[in-house]
Amino acid sequence: MQIIYMSTRDEQSKADLLQGTLDLLVLKALSPQSLHGLGVSNRISQITNGTFDVKPGSLFPALHRMEEAGWLKSEWGESENKRRAKYYSLTKAGRRQLETETEDWHRISMAMTSALRAG
């Protein structure tokens, strides 16, 4: 399981997420454009309204694993602050994986909502 930080109103608390949640967040973050690692982390924070703050120790192994799986491709470029950075983008397989994982997550979240509403 990946450990990332989940923001609460009063404090930072560690959250063990379901296997694959970080993958889904990374795929979603990269769906509109290629980004370097810090850009991926910032985009995840943005699209989750600051709820998830993915630390480098979780993010970079995930990016490497996802590239090995063929979901991401990378190329070296220059970041906004003129430093050399590795930019990641989705492959066709990565777009298919995003679609699959999104459908799975919707199914799981509806099931959890149903279970929590049960009397």
PDB file of N, CA and C in Angstrom:
ATOM      1  N   MET A   1       0.820  -1.185   0.000  1.00  0.00           N
ATOM      2  CA  MET A   1       0.000   0.000   0.000  1.00  0.00           C
ATOM      3  C   MET A   1       0.867   1.253   0.000  1.00  0.00           C
ATOM      4  N   GLN A   2       0.428   2.232  -0.724  1.00  0.00           N
ATOM      5  CA  GLN A   2       1.123   3.497  -0.761  1.00  0.00           C
ATOM      6  C   GLN A   2       0.691   4.341   0.431  1.00  0.00           C
ATOM      7  N   ILE A   3       1.619   5.061   1.008  1.00  0.00           N
ATOM      8  CA  ILE A   3       1.269   5.981   2.080  1.00  0.00           C
ATOM      9  C   ILE A   3       1.496   7.386   1.564  1.00  0.00           C
ATOM     10  N   ILE A   4       0.454   8.180   1.617  1.00  0.00           N
ATOM     11  CA  ILE A   4       0.570   9.585   1.265  1.00  0.00           C
ATOM     12  C   ILE A   4      -0.093  10.371   2.378  1.00  0.00           C
ATOM     13  N   TYR A   5       0.089  11.648   2.362  1.00  0.00           N
ATOM     14  CA  TYR A   5      -0.504  12.463   3.398  1.00  0.00           C
ATOM     15  C   TYR A   5      -1.865  12.960   2.961  1.00  0.00           C
ATOM     16  N   MET A   6      -2.803  12.883   3.895  1.00  0.00           N
ATOM     17  CA  MET A   6      -4.147  13.372   3.641  1.00  0.00           C
ATOM     18  C   MET A   6      -4.363  14.539   4.586  1.00  0.00           C
ATOM     19  N   SER A   7      -4.655  15.692   4.027  1.00  0.00           N
ATOM     20  CA  SER A   7      -4.847  16.883   4.840  1.00  0.00           C
ATOM     21  C   SER A   7      -6.196  16.864   5.528  1.00  0.00           C
ATOM     22  N   THR A   8      -6.208  17.279   6.761  1.00  0.00           N
ATOM     23  CA  THR A   8      -7.444  17.541   7.476  1.00  0.00           C
ATOM     24  C   THR A   8      -7.429  19.022   7.805  1.00  0.00           C
ATOM     25  N   ARG A   9      -8.491  19.530   8.371  1.00  0.00           N
ATOM     26  CA  ARG A   9      -8.541  20.962   8.680  1.00  0.00           C
ATOM     27  C   ARG A   9      -7.506  21.363   9.717  1.00  0.00           C
ATOM     28  N   ASP A  10      -7.255  20.500  10.687  1.00  0.00           N
ATOM     29  CA  ASP A  10      -6.399  20.866  11.801  1.00  0.00           C
ATOM     30  C   ASP A  10      -4.985  20.306  11.734  1.00  0.00           C
ATOM     31  N   GLU A  11      -4.759  19.231  10.981  1.00  0.00           N
ATOM     32  CA  GLU A  11      -3.450  18.580  11.009  1.00  0.00           C
ATOM     33  C   GLU A  11      -3.223  17.743   9.772  1.00  0.00           C
ATOM     34  N   GLN A  12      -1.973  17.341   9.606  1.00  0.00           N
ATOM     35  CA  GLN A  12      -1.620  16.388   8.567  1.00  0.00           C
ATOM     36  C   GLN A  12      -1.703  15.008   9.202  1.00  0.00           C
ATOM     37  N   SER A  13      -2.398  14.077   8.563  1.00  0.00           N
ATOM     38  CA  SER A  13      -2.471  12.724   9.090  1.00  0.00           C
ATOM     39  C   SER A  13      -2.134  11.747   7.987  1.00  0.00           C
ATOM     40  N   LYS A  14      -1.424  10.682   8.341  1.00  0.00           N
ATOM     41  CA  LYS A  14      -1.084   9.663   7.351  1.00  0.00           C
ATOM     42  C   LYS A  14      -2.314   8.843   7.035  1.00  0.00           C
ATOM     43  N   ALA A  15      -2.430   8.456   5.784  1.00  0.00           N
ATOM     44  CA  ALA A  15      -3.565   7.641   5.369  1.00  0.00           C
ATOM     45  C   ALA A  15      -3.066   6.502   4.506  1.00  0.00           C
ATOM     46  N   ASP A  16      -3.407   5.285   4.873  1.00  0.00           N
ATOM     47  CA  ASP A  16      -3.148   4.144   4.010  1.00  0.00           C
ATOM     48  C   ASP A  16      -4.289   4.085   3.012  1.00  0.00           C
ATOM     49  N   LEU A  17      -3.960   4.187   1.756  1.00  0.00           N
ATOM     50  CA  LEU A  17      -4.988   4.195   0.726  1.00  0.00           C
ATOM     51  C   LEU A  17      -5.120   2.824   0.102  1.00  0.00           C
ATOM     52  N   LEU A  18      -6.280   2.567  -0.435  1.00  0.00           N
ATOM     53  CA  LEU A  18      -6.492   1.325  -1.163  1.00  0.00           C
ATOM     54  C   LEU A  18      -5.444   1.187  -2.256  1.00  0.00           C
ATOM     55  N   GLN A  19      -4.987  -0.028  -2.452  1.00  0.00           N
ATOM     56  CA  GLN A  19      -4.007  -0.286  -3.507  1.00  0.00           C
ATOM     57  C   GLN A  19      -4.546   0.272  -4.821  1.00  0.00           C
ATOM     58  N   GLY A  20      -3.724   1.003  -5.524  1.00  0.00           N
ATOM     59  CA  GLY A  20      -4.130   1.536  -6.817  1.00  0.00           C
ATOM     60  C   GLY A  20      -4.654   2.958  -6.769  1.00  0.00           C
ATOM     61  N   THR A  21      -4.954   3.478  -5.577  1.00  0.00           N
ATOM     62  CA  THR A  21      -5.479   4.838  -5.494  1.00  0.00           C
ATOM     63  C   THR A  21      -4.451   5.847  -5.977  1.00  0.00           C
ATOM     64  N   LEU A  22      -3.200   5.679  -5.568  1.00  0.00           N
ATOM     65  CA  LEU A  22      -2.161   6.598  -6.016  1.00  0.00           C
ATOM     66  C   LEU A  22      -1.998   6.505  -7.530  1.00  0.00           C
ATOM     67  N   ASP A  23      -2.046   5.287  -8.065  1.00  0.00           N
ATOM     68  CA  ASP A  23      -1.947   5.129  -9.522  1.00  0.00           C
ATOM     69  C   ASP A  23      -3.041   5.915 -10.228  1.00  0.00           C
ATOM     70  N   LEU A  24      -4.258   5.802  -9.736  1.00  0.00           N
ATOM     71  CA  LEU A  24      -5.380   6.502 -10.347  1.00  0.00           C
ATOM     72  C   LEU A  24      -5.173   8.011 -10.277  1.00  0.00           C
ATOM     73  N   LEU A  25      -4.712   8.514  -9.139  1.00  0.00           N
ATOM     74  CA  LEU A  25      -4.478   9.953  -9.000  1.00  0.00           C
ATOM     75  C   LEU A  25      -3.383  10.430  -9.947  1.00  0.00           C
ATOM     76  N   VAL A  26      -2.326   9.652 -10.092  1.00  0.00           N
ATOM     77  CA  VAL A  26      -1.241  10.025 -11.013  1.00  0.00           C
ATOM     78  C   VAL A  26      -1.746  10.015 -12.457  1.00  0.00           C
ATOM     79  N   LEU A  27      -2.458   8.967 -12.834  1.00  0.00           N
ATOM     80  CA  LEU A  27      -2.987   8.898 -14.199  1.00  0.00           C
ATOM     81  C   LEU A  27      -3.911  10.078 -14.489  1.00  0.00           C
ATOM     82  N   LYS A  28      -4.765  10.398 -13.550  1.00  0.00           N
ATOM     83  CA  LYS A  28      -5.693  11.527 -13.729  1.00  0.00           C
ATOM     84  C   LYS A  28      -4.925  12.842 -13.836  1.00  0.00           C
ATOM     85  N   ALA A  29      -3.914  13.014 -12.984  1.00  0.00           N
ATOM     86  CA  ALA A  29      -3.120  14.248 -13.007  1.00  0.00           C
ATOM     87  C   ALA A  29      -2.420  14.445 -14.342  1.00  0.00           C
ATOM     88  N   LEU A  30      -2.004  13.344 -14.959  1.00  0.00           N
ATOM     89  CA  LEU A  30      -1.281  13.427 -16.233  1.00  0.00           C
ATOM     90  C   LEU A  30      -2.189  13.394 -17.458  1.00  0.00           C
ATOM     91  N   SER A  31      -3.497  13.211 -17.258  1.00  0.00           N
ATOM     92  CA  SER A  31      -4.383  13.070 -18.413  1.00  0.00           C
ATOM     93  C   SER A  31      -4.443  14.301 -19.319  1.00  0.00           C
ATOM     94  N   PRO A  32      -4.384  15.535 -18.788  1.00  0.00           N
ATOM     95  CA  PRO A  32      -4.452  16.653 -19.730  1.00  0.00           C
ATOM     96  C   PRO A  32      -3.113  17.041 -20.353  1.00  0.00           C
ATOM     97  N   GLN A  33      -1.999  16.744 -19.657  1.00  0.00           N
ATOM     98  CA  GLN A  33      -0.696  17.199 -20.163  1.00  0.00           C
ATOM     99  C   GLN A  33       0.437  16.488 -19.444  1.00  0.00           C
ATOM    100  N   SER A  34       1.620  16.559 -20.040  1.00  0.00           N
ATOM    101  CA  SER A  34       2.791  15.979 -19.389  1.00  0.00           C
ATOM    102  C   SER A  34       3.250  16.922 -18.270  1.00  0.00           C
ATOM    103  N   LEU A  35       3.805  16.317 -17.213  1.00  0.00           N
ATOM    104  CA  LEU A  35       4.269  17.071 -16.052  1.00  0.00           C
ATOM    105  C   LEU A  35       5.526  16.418 -15.496  1.00  0.00           C
ATOM    106  N   HIS A  36       6.346  17.206 -14.821  1.00  0.00           N
ATOM    107  CA  HIS A  36       7.464  16.630 -14.090  1.00  0.00           C
ATOM    108  C   HIS A  36       6.959  16.200 -12.717  1.00  0.00           C
ATOM    109  N   GLY A  37       7.789  15.494 -11.962  1.00  0.00           N
ATOM    110  CA  GLY A  37       7.357  14.912 -10.696  1.00  0.00           C
ATOM    111  C   GLY A  37       6.698  15.899  -9.747  1.00  0.00           C
ATOM    112  N   LEU A  38       7.324  17.041  -9.507  1.00  0.00           N
ATOM    113  CA  LEU A  38       6.730  18.034  -8.611  1.00  0.00           C
ATOM    114  C   LEU A  38       5.409  18.541  -9.175  1.00  0.00           C
ATOM    115  N   GLY A  39       5.337  18.670 -10.490  1.00  0.00           N
ATOM    116  CA  GLY A  39       4.094  19.088 -11.134  1.00  0.00           C
ATOM    117  C   GLY A  39       2.983  18.073 -10.925  1.00  0.00           C
ATOM    118  N   VAL A  40       3.321  16.778 -10.962  1.00  0.00           N
ATOM    119  CA  VAL A  40       2.333  15.725 -10.699  1.00  0.00           C
ATOM    120  C   VAL A  40       1.814  15.859  -9.276  1.00  0.00           C
ATOM    121  N   SER A  41       2.729  16.013  -8.321  1.00  0.00           N
ATOM    122  CA  SER A  41       2.340  16.160  -6.919  1.00  0.00           C
ATOM    123  C   SER A  41       1.436  17.381  -6.725  1.00  0.00           C
ATOM    124  N   ASN A  42       1.816  18.499  -7.325  1.00  0.00           N
ATOM    125  CA  ASN A  42       1.014  19.725  -7.204  1.00  0.00           C
ATOM    126  C   ASN A  42      -0.359  19.559  -7.849  1.00  0.00           C
ATOM    127  N   ARG A  43      -0.401  18.900  -8.983  1.00  0.00           N
ATOM    128  CA  ARG A  43      -1.684  18.691  -9.680  1.00  0.00           C
ATOM    129  C   ARG A  43      -2.604  17.798  -8.859  1.00  0.00           C
ATOM    130  N   ILE A  44      -2.059  16.747  -8.230  1.00  0.00           N
ATOM    131  CA  ILE A  44      -2.872  15.887  -7.379  1.00  0.00           C
ATOM    132  C   ILE A  44      -3.452  16.695  -6.224  1.00  0.00           C
ATOM    133  N   SER A  45      -2.633  17.526  -5.612  1.00  0.00           N
ATOM    134  CA  SER A  45      -3.134  18.376  -4.534  1.00  0.00           C
ATOM    135  C   SER A  45      -4.246  19.296  -5.045  1.00  0.00           C
ATOM    136  N   GLN A  46      -4.055  19.844  -6.230  1.00  0.00           N
ATOM    137  CA  GLN A  46      -5.052  20.747  -6.823  1.00  0.00           C
ATOM    138  C   GLN A  46      -6.363  20.034  -7.107  1.00  0.00           C
ATOM    139  N   ILE A  47      -6.304  18.868  -7.758  1.00  0.00           N
ATOM    140  CA  ILE A  47      -7.548  18.199  -8.163  1.00  0.00           C
ATOM    141  C   ILE A  47      -8.269  17.540  -6.991  1.00  0.00           C
ATOM    142  N   THR A  48      -7.578  17.384  -5.860  1.00  0.00           N
ATOM    143  CA  THR A  48      -8.226  16.830  -4.661  1.00  0.00           C
ATOM    144  C   THR A  48      -8.510  17.922  -3.639  1.00  0.00           C
ATOM    145  N   ASN A  49      -8.462  19.176  -4.090  1.00  0.00           N
ATOM    146  CA  ASN A  49      -8.716  20.326  -3.217  1.00  0.00           C
ATOM    147  C   ASN A  49      -7.851  20.292  -1.967  1.00  0.00           C
ATOM    148  N   GLY A  50      -6.589  19.887  -2.139  1.00  0.00           N
ATOM    149  CA  GLY A  50      -5.630  19.882  -1.045  1.00  0.00           C
ATOM    150  C   GLY A  50      -5.743  18.700  -0.104  1.00  0.00           C
ATOM    151  N   THR A  51      -6.620  17.760  -0.398  1.00  0.00           N
ATOM    152  CA  THR A  51      -6.798  16.613   0.494  1.00  0.00           C
ATOM    153  C   THR A  51      -5.576  15.703   0.474  1.00  0.00           C
ATOM    154  N   PHE A  52      -4.978  15.485  -0.689  1.00  0.00           N
ATOM    155  CA  PHE A  52      -3.837  14.586  -0.798  1.00  0.00           C
ATOM    156  C   PHE A  52      -2.573  15.341  -1.149  1.00  0.00           C
ATOM    157  N   ASP A  53      -1.544  15.113  -0.365  1.00  0.00           N
ATOM    158  CA  ASP A  53      -0.231  15.685  -0.568  1.00  0.00           C
ATOM    159  C   ASP A  53       0.730  14.514  -0.746  1.00  0.00           C
ATOM    160  N   VAL A  54       1.042  14.194  -1.974  1.00  0.00           N
ATOM    161  CA  VAL A  54       1.862  13.020  -2.265  1.00  0.00           C
ATOM    162  C   VAL A  54       3.331  13.404  -2.114  1.00  0.00           C
ATOM    163  N   LYS A  55       4.000  12.702  -1.233  1.00  0.00           N
ATOM    164  CA  LYS A  55       5.408  12.960  -0.962  1.00  0.00           C
ATOM    165  C   LYS A  55       6.289  12.240  -1.981  1.00  0.00           C
ATOM    166  N   PRO A  56       7.493  12.770  -2.234  1.00  0.00           N
ATOM    167  CA  PRO A  56       8.396  12.159  -3.212  1.00  0.00           C
ATOM    168  C   PRO A  56       8.685  10.683  -2.954  1.00  0.00           C
ATOM    169  N   GLY A  57       8.773  10.282  -1.697  1.00  0.00           N
ATOM    170  CA  GLY A  57       9.060   8.895  -1.369  1.00  0.00           C
ATOM    171  C   GLY A  57       7.982   7.930  -1.826  1.00  0.00           C
ATOM    172  N   SER A  58       6.770   8.410  -2.015  1.00  0.00           N
ATOM    173  CA  SER A  58       5.683   7.595  -2.567  1.00  0.00           C
ATOM    174  C   SER A  58       5.527   7.831  -4.064  1.00  0.00           C
ATOM    175  N   LEU A  59       5.695   9.090  -4.488  1.00  0.00           N
ATOM    176  CA  LEU A  59       5.428   9.441  -5.879  1.00  0.00           C
ATOM    177  C   LEU A  59       6.437   8.853  -6.860  1.00  0.00           C
ATOM    178  N   PHE A  60       7.726   9.030  -6.599  1.00  0.00           N
ATOM    179  CA  PHE A  60       8.719   8.634  -7.592  1.00  0.00           C
ATOM    180  C   PHE A  60       8.790   7.125  -7.807  1.00  0.00           C
ATOM    181  N   PRO A  61       8.691   6.308  -6.765  1.00  0.00           N
ATOM    182  CA  PRO A  61       8.610   4.860  -7.036  1.00  0.00           C
ATOM    183  C   PRO A  61       7.360   4.501  -7.858  1.00  0.00           C
ATOM    184  N   ALA A  62       6.246   5.193  -7.601  1.00  0.00           N
ATOM    185  CA  ALA A  62       5.016   4.927  -8.364  1.00  0.00           C
ATOM    186  C   ALA A  62       5.200   5.327  -9.824  1.00  0.00           C
ATOM    187  N   LEU A  63       5.800   6.488 -10.073  1.00  0.00           N
ATOM    188  CA  LEU A  63       6.044   6.915 -11.459  1.00  0.00           C
ATOM    189  C   LEU A  63       6.934   5.903 -12.181  1.00  0.00           C
ATOM    190  N   HIS A  64       7.983   5.451 -11.509  1.00  0.00           N
ATOM    191  CA  HIS A  64       8.888   4.477 -12.119  1.00  0.00           C
ATOM    192  C   HIS A  64       8.153   3.161 -12.416  1.00  0.00           C
ATOM    193  N   ARG A  65       7.391   2.682 -11.452  1.00  0.00           N
ATOM    194  CA  ARG A  65       6.636   1.433 -11.621  1.00  0.00           C
ATOM    195  C   ARG A  65       5.634   1.548 -12.762  1.00  0.00           C
ATOM    196  N   MET A  66       4.958   2.694 -12.852  1.00  0.00           N
ATOM    197  CA  MET A  66       3.959   2.901 -13.895  1.00  0.00           C
ATOM    198  C   MET A  66       4.612   3.031 -15.272  1.00  0.00           C
ATOM    199  N   GLU A  67       5.813   3.584 -15.302  1.00  0.00           N
ATOM    200  CA  GLU A  67       6.550   3.653 -16.567  1.00  0.00           C
ATOM    201  C   GLU A  67       6.974   2.239 -16.987  1.00  0.00           C
ATOM    202  N   GLU A  68       7.434   1.456 -16.039  1.00  0.00           N
ATOM    203  CA  GLU A  68       7.806   0.062 -16.327  1.00  0.00           C
ATOM    204  C   GLU A  68       6.604  -0.747 -16.826  1.00  0.00           C
ATOM    205  N   ALA A  69       5.415  -0.435 -16.309  1.00  0.00           N
ATOM    206  CA  ALA A  69       4.189  -1.129 -16.722  1.00  0.00           C
ATOM    207  C   ALA A  69       3.717  -0.691 -18.106  1.00  0.00           C
ATOM    208  N   GLY A  70       4.316   0.377 -18.642  1.00  0.00           N
ATOM    209  CA  GLY A  70       3.935   0.859 -19.968  1.00  0.00           C
ATOM    210  C   GLY A  70       2.809   1.876 -19.964  1.00  0.00           C
ATOM    211  N   TRP A  71       2.432   2.363 -18.775  1.00  0.00           N
ATOM    212  CA  TRP A  71       1.342   3.337 -18.684  1.00  0.00           C
ATOM    213  C   TRP A  71       1.835   4.761 -18.884  1.00  0.00           C
ATOM    214  N   LEU A  72       3.121   4.982 -18.624  1.00  0.00           N
ATOM    215  CA  LEU A  72       3.713   6.306 -18.757  1.00  0.00           C
ATOM    216  C   LEU A  72       4.942   6.229 -19.642  1.00  0.00           C
ATOM    217  N   LYS A  73       5.237   7.336 -20.284  1.00  0.00           N
ATOM    218  CA  LYS A  73       6.515   7.492 -20.968  1.00  0.00           C
ATOM    219  C   LYS A  73       7.137   8.772 -20.409  1.00  0.00           C
ATOM    220  N   SER A  74       8.429   8.893 -20.533  1.00  0.00           N
ATOM    221  CA  SER A  74       9.088  10.066 -19.980  1.00  0.00           C
ATOM    222  C   SER A  74      10.130  10.604 -20.945  1.00  0.00           C
ATOM    223  N   GLU A  75      10.430  11.876 -20.769  1.00  0.00           N
ATOM    224  CA  GLU A  75      11.508  12.512 -21.522  1.00  0.00           C
ATOM    225  C   GLU A  75      12.056  13.655 -20.685  1.00  0.00           C
ATOM    226  N   TRP A  76      13.313  13.930 -20.871  1.00  0.00           N
ATOM    227  CA  TRP A  76      13.952  14.992 -20.116  1.00  0.00           C
ATOM    228  C   TRP A  76      13.634  16.340 -20.755  1.00  0.00           C
ATOM    229  N   GLY A  77      13.417  17.321 -19.897  1.00  0.00           N
ATOM    230  CA  GLY A  77      13.144  18.677 -20.352  1.00  0.00           C
ATOM    231  C   GLY A  77      13.601  19.665 -19.305  1.00  0.00           C
ATOM    232  N   GLU A  78      13.206  20.894 -19.494  1.00  0.00           N
ATOM    233  CA  GLU A  78      13.588  21.964 -18.569  1.00  0.00           C
ATOM    234  C   GLU A  78      12.359  22.427 -17.802  1.00  0.00           C
ATOM    235  N   SER A  79      12.491  22.509 -16.486  1.00  0.00           N
ATOM    236  CA  SER A  79      11.377  22.937 -15.644  1.00  0.00           C
ATOM    237  C   SER A  79      11.224  24.454 -15.697  1.00  0.00           C
ATOM    238  N   GLU A  80      10.191  24.939 -15.018  1.00  0.00           N
ATOM    239  CA  GLU A  80       9.912  26.378 -14.986  1.00  0.00           C
ATOM    240  C   GLU A  80      11.074  27.172 -14.403  1.00  0.00           C
ATOM    241  N   ASN A  81      11.821  26.547 -13.474  1.00  0.00           N
ATOM    242  CA  ASN A  81      12.947  27.255 -12.855  1.00  0.00           C
ATOM    243  C   ASN A  81      14.280  26.917 -13.532  1.00  0.00           C
ATOM    244  N   LYS A  82      14.197  26.482 -14.791  1.00  0.00           N
ATOM    245  CA  LYS A  82      15.364  26.238 -15.654  1.00  0.00           C
ATOM    246  C   LYS A  82      16.238  25.075 -15.196  1.00  0.00           C
ATOM    247  N   ARG A  83      15.650  24.139 -14.458  1.00  0.00           N
ATOM    248  CA  ARG A  83      16.383  22.943 -14.051  1.00  0.00           C
ATOM    249  C   ARG A  83      15.982  21.777 -14.943  1.00  0.00           C
ATOM    250  N   ARG A  84      16.883  20.819 -15.060  1.00  0.00           N
ATOM    251  CA  ARG A  84      16.587  19.614 -15.831  1.00  0.00           C
ATOM    252  C   ARG A  84      15.573  18.782 -15.054  1.00  0.00           C
ATOM    253  N   ALA A  85      14.528  18.339 -15.738  1.00  0.00           N
ATOM    254  CA  ALA A  85      13.469  17.581 -15.077  1.00  0.00           C
ATOM    255  C   ALA A  85      12.946  16.507 -16.026  1.00  0.00           C
ATOM    256  N   LYS A  86      12.507  15.413 -15.442  1.00  0.00           N
ATOM    257  CA  LYS A  86      11.917  14.327 -16.212  1.00  0.00           C
ATOM    258  C   LYS A  86      10.417  14.569 -16.294  1.00  0.00           C
ATOM    259  N   TYR A  87       9.903  14.661 -17.513  1.00  0.00           N
ATOM    260  CA  TYR A  87       8.479  14.893 -17.746  1.00  0.00           C
ATOM    261  C   TYR A  87       7.805  13.578 -18.100  1.00  0.00           C
ATOM    262  N   TYR A  88       6.662  13.342 -17.479  1.00  0.00           N
ATOM    263  CA  TYR A  88       5.896  12.116 -17.680  1.00  0.00           C
ATOM    264  C   TYR A  88       4.623  12.428 -18.445  1.00  0.00           C
ATOM    265  N   SER A  89       4.219  11.495 -19.300  1.00  0.00           N
ATOM    266  CA  SER A  89       2.948  11.618 -20.006  1.00  0.00           C
ATOM    267  C   SER A  89       2.343  10.225 -20.154  1.00  0.00           C
ATOM    268  N   LEU A  90       1.035  10.200 -20.394  1.00  0.00           N
ATOM    269  CA  LEU A  90       0.333   8.932 -20.540  1.00  0.00           C
ATOM    270  C   LEU A  90       0.590   8.318 -21.911  1.00  0.00           C
ATOM    271  N   THR A  91       0.699   7.009 -21.931  1.00  0.00           N
ATOM    272  CA  THR A  91       0.728   6.264 -23.182  1.00  0.00           C
ATOM    273  C   THR A  91      -0.715   5.855 -23.494  1.00  0.00           C
ATOM    274  N   LYS A  92      -0.924   5.214 -24.629  1.00  0.00           N
ATOM    275  CA  LYS A  92      -2.264   4.690 -24.934  1.00  0.00           C
ATOM    276  C   LYS A  92      -2.695   3.691 -23.864  1.00  0.00           C
ATOM    277  N   ALA A  93      -1.763   2.850 -23.444  1.00  0.00           N
ATOM    278  CA  ALA A  93      -2.069   1.880 -22.384  1.00  0.00           C
ATOM    279  C   ALA A  93      -2.408   2.605 -21.076  1.00  0.00           C
ATOM    280  N   GLY A  94      -1.748   3.715 -20.810  1.00  0.00           N
ATOM    281  CA  GLY A  94      -2.036   4.504 -19.618  1.00  0.00           C
ATOM    282  C   GLY A  94      -3.427   5.121 -19.670  1.00  0.00           C
ATOM    283  N   ARG A  95      -3.841   5.568 -20.828  1.00  0.00           N
ATOM    284  CA  ARG A  95      -5.200   6.120 -20.977  1.00  0.00           C
ATOM    285  C   ARG A  95      -6.250   5.030 -20.774  1.00  0.00           C
ATOM    286  N   ARG A  96      -5.971   3.840 -21.293  1.00  0.00           N
ATOM    287  CA  ARG A  96      -6.892   2.715 -21.064  1.00  0.00           C
ATOM    288  C   ARG A  96      -6.939   2.350 -19.579  1.00  0.00           C
ATOM    289  N   GLN A  97      -5.766   2.369 -18.925  1.00  0.00           N
ATOM    290  CA  GLN A  97      -5.716   2.061 -17.495  1.00  0.00           C
ATOM    291  C   GLN A  97      -6.478   3.102 -16.691  1.00  0.00           C
ATOM    292  N   LEU A  98      -6.374   4.371 -17.062  1.00  0.00           N
ATOM    293  CA  LEU A  98      -7.124   5.429 -16.394  1.00  0.00           C
ATOM    294  C   LEU A  98      -8.622   5.169 -16.514  1.00  0.00           C
ATOM    295  N   GLU A  99      -9.068   4.801 -17.699  1.00  0.00           N
ATOM    296  CA  GLU A  99     -10.489   4.513 -17.911  1.00  0.00           C
ATOM    297  C   GLU A  99     -10.942   3.328 -17.050  1.00  0.00           C
ATOM    298  N   THR A 100     -10.161   2.267 -17.050  1.00  0.00           N
ATOM    299  CA  THR A 100     -10.493   1.071 -16.264  1.00  0.00           C
ATOM    300  C   THR A 100     -10.531   1.376 -14.775  1.00  0.00           C
ATOM    301  N   GLU A 101      -9.499   2.047 -14.285  1.00  0.00           N
ATOM    302  CA  GLU A 101      -9.435   2.345 -12.855  1.00  0.00           C
ATOM    303  C   GLU A 101     -10.519   3.331 -12.427  1.00  0.00           C
ATOM    304  N   THR A 102     -10.872   4.259 -13.309  1.00  0.00           N
ATOM    305  CA  THR A 102     -11.953   5.206 -13.001  1.00  0.00           C
ATOM    306  C   THR A 102     -13.279   4.454 -12.855  1.00  0.00           C
ATOM    307  N   GLU A 103     -13.554   3.549 -13.777  1.00  0.00           N
ATOM    308  CA  GLU A 103     -14.780   2.743 -13.690  1.00  0.00           C
ATOM    309  C   GLU A 103     -14.786   1.905 -12.412  1.00  0.00           C
ATOM    310  N   ASP A 104     -13.656   1.281 -12.091  1.00  0.00           N
ATOM    311  CA  ASP A 104     -13.557   0.476 -10.869  1.00  0.00           C
ATOM    312  C   ASP A 104     -13.799   1.334  -9.631  1.00  0.00           C
ATOM    313  N   TRP A 105     -13.185   2.516  -9.605  1.00  0.00           N
ATOM    314  CA  TRP A 105     -13.331   3.393  -8.444  1.00  0.00           C
ATOM    315  C   TRP A 105     -14.784   3.844  -8.274  1.00  0.00           C
ATOM    316  N   HIS A 106     -15.461   4.160  -9.365  1.00  0.00           N
ATOM    317  CA  HIS A 106     -16.876   4.543  -9.277  1.00  0.00           C
ATOM    318  C   HIS A 106     -17.708   3.408  -8.699  1.00  0.00           C
ATOM    319  N   ARG A 107     -17.448   2.190  -9.150  1.00  0.00           N
ATOM    320  CA  ARG A 107     -18.170   1.028  -8.645  1.00  0.00           C
ATOM    321  C   ARG A 107     -17.902   0.828  -7.146  1.00  0.00           C
ATOM    322  N   ILE A 108     -16.654   0.934  -6.742  1.00  0.00           N
ATOM    323  CA  ILE A 108     -16.283   0.760  -5.327  1.00  0.00           C
ATOM    324  C   ILE A 108     -16.899   1.859  -4.474  1.00  0.00           C
ATOM    325  N   SER A 109     -16.819   3.088  -4.927  1.00  0.00           N
ATOM    326  CA  SER A 109     -17.348   4.194  -4.117  1.00  0.00           C
ATOM    327  C   SER A 109     -18.862   4.108  -3.987  1.00  0.00           C
ATOM    328  N   MET A 110     -19.560   3.675  -5.034  1.00  0.00           N
ATOM    329  CA  MET A 110     -21.019   3.497  -4.919  1.00  0.00           C
ATOM    330  C   MET A 110     -21.357   2.374  -3.941  1.00  0.00           C
ATOM    331  N   ALA A 111     -20.571   1.304  -3.968  1.00  0.00           N
ATOM    332  CA  ALA A 111     -20.794   0.196  -3.030  1.00  0.00           C
ATOM    333  C   ALA A 111     -20.547   0.646  -1.595  1.00  0.00           C
ATOM    334  N   MET A 112     -19.496   1.419  -1.371  1.00  0.00           N
ATOM    335  CA  MET A 112     -19.195   1.915  -0.026  1.00  0.00           C
ATOM    336  C   MET A 112     -20.297   2.870   0.458  1.00  0.00           C
ATOM    337  N   THR A 113     -20.751   3.727  -0.421  1.00  0.00           N
ATOM    338  CA  THR A 113     -21.851   4.642  -0.059  1.00  0.00           C
ATOM    339  C   THR A 113     -23.080   3.863   0.320  1.00  0.00           C
ATOM    340  N   SER A 114     -23.401   2.844  -0.450  1.00  0.00           N
ATOM    341  CA  SER A 114     -24.546   1.986  -0.147  1.00  0.00           C
ATOM    342  C   SER A 114     -24.376   1.285   1.205  1.00  0.00           C
ATOM    343  N   ALA A 115     -23.187   0.776   1.450  1.00  0.00           N
ATOM    344  CA  ALA A 115     -22.928   0.079   2.721  1.00  0.00           C
ATOM    345  C   ALA A 115     -23.033   1.034   3.905  1.00  0.00           C
ATOM    346  N   LEU A 116     -22.557   2.247   3.763  1.00  0.00           N
ATOM    347  CA  LEU A 116     -22.593   3.203   4.855  1.00  0.00           C
ATOM    348  C   LEU A 116     -24.000   3.713   5.135  1.00  0.00           C
ATOM    349  N   ARG A 117     -24.850   3.681   4.142  1.00  0.00           N
ATOM    350  CA  ARG A 117     -26.254   4.104   4.324  1.00  0.00           C
ATOM    351  C   ARG A 117     -27.135   3.003   4.887  1.00  0.00           C
ATOM    352  N   ALA A 118     -26.647   1.770   4.852  1.00  0.00           N
ATOM    353  CA  ALA A 118     -27.442   0.627   5.316  1.00  0.00           C
ATOM    354  C   ALA A 118     -27.760   0.759   6.804  1.00  0.00           C
ATOM    355  N   GLY A 119     -28.962   0.305   7.165  1.00  0.00           N
ATOM    356  CA  GLY A 119     -29.404   0.403   8.558  1.00  0.00           C
ATOM    357  C   GLY A 119     -28.981  -0.749   9.406  1.00  0.00           C
TER     358      GLY A 119
END
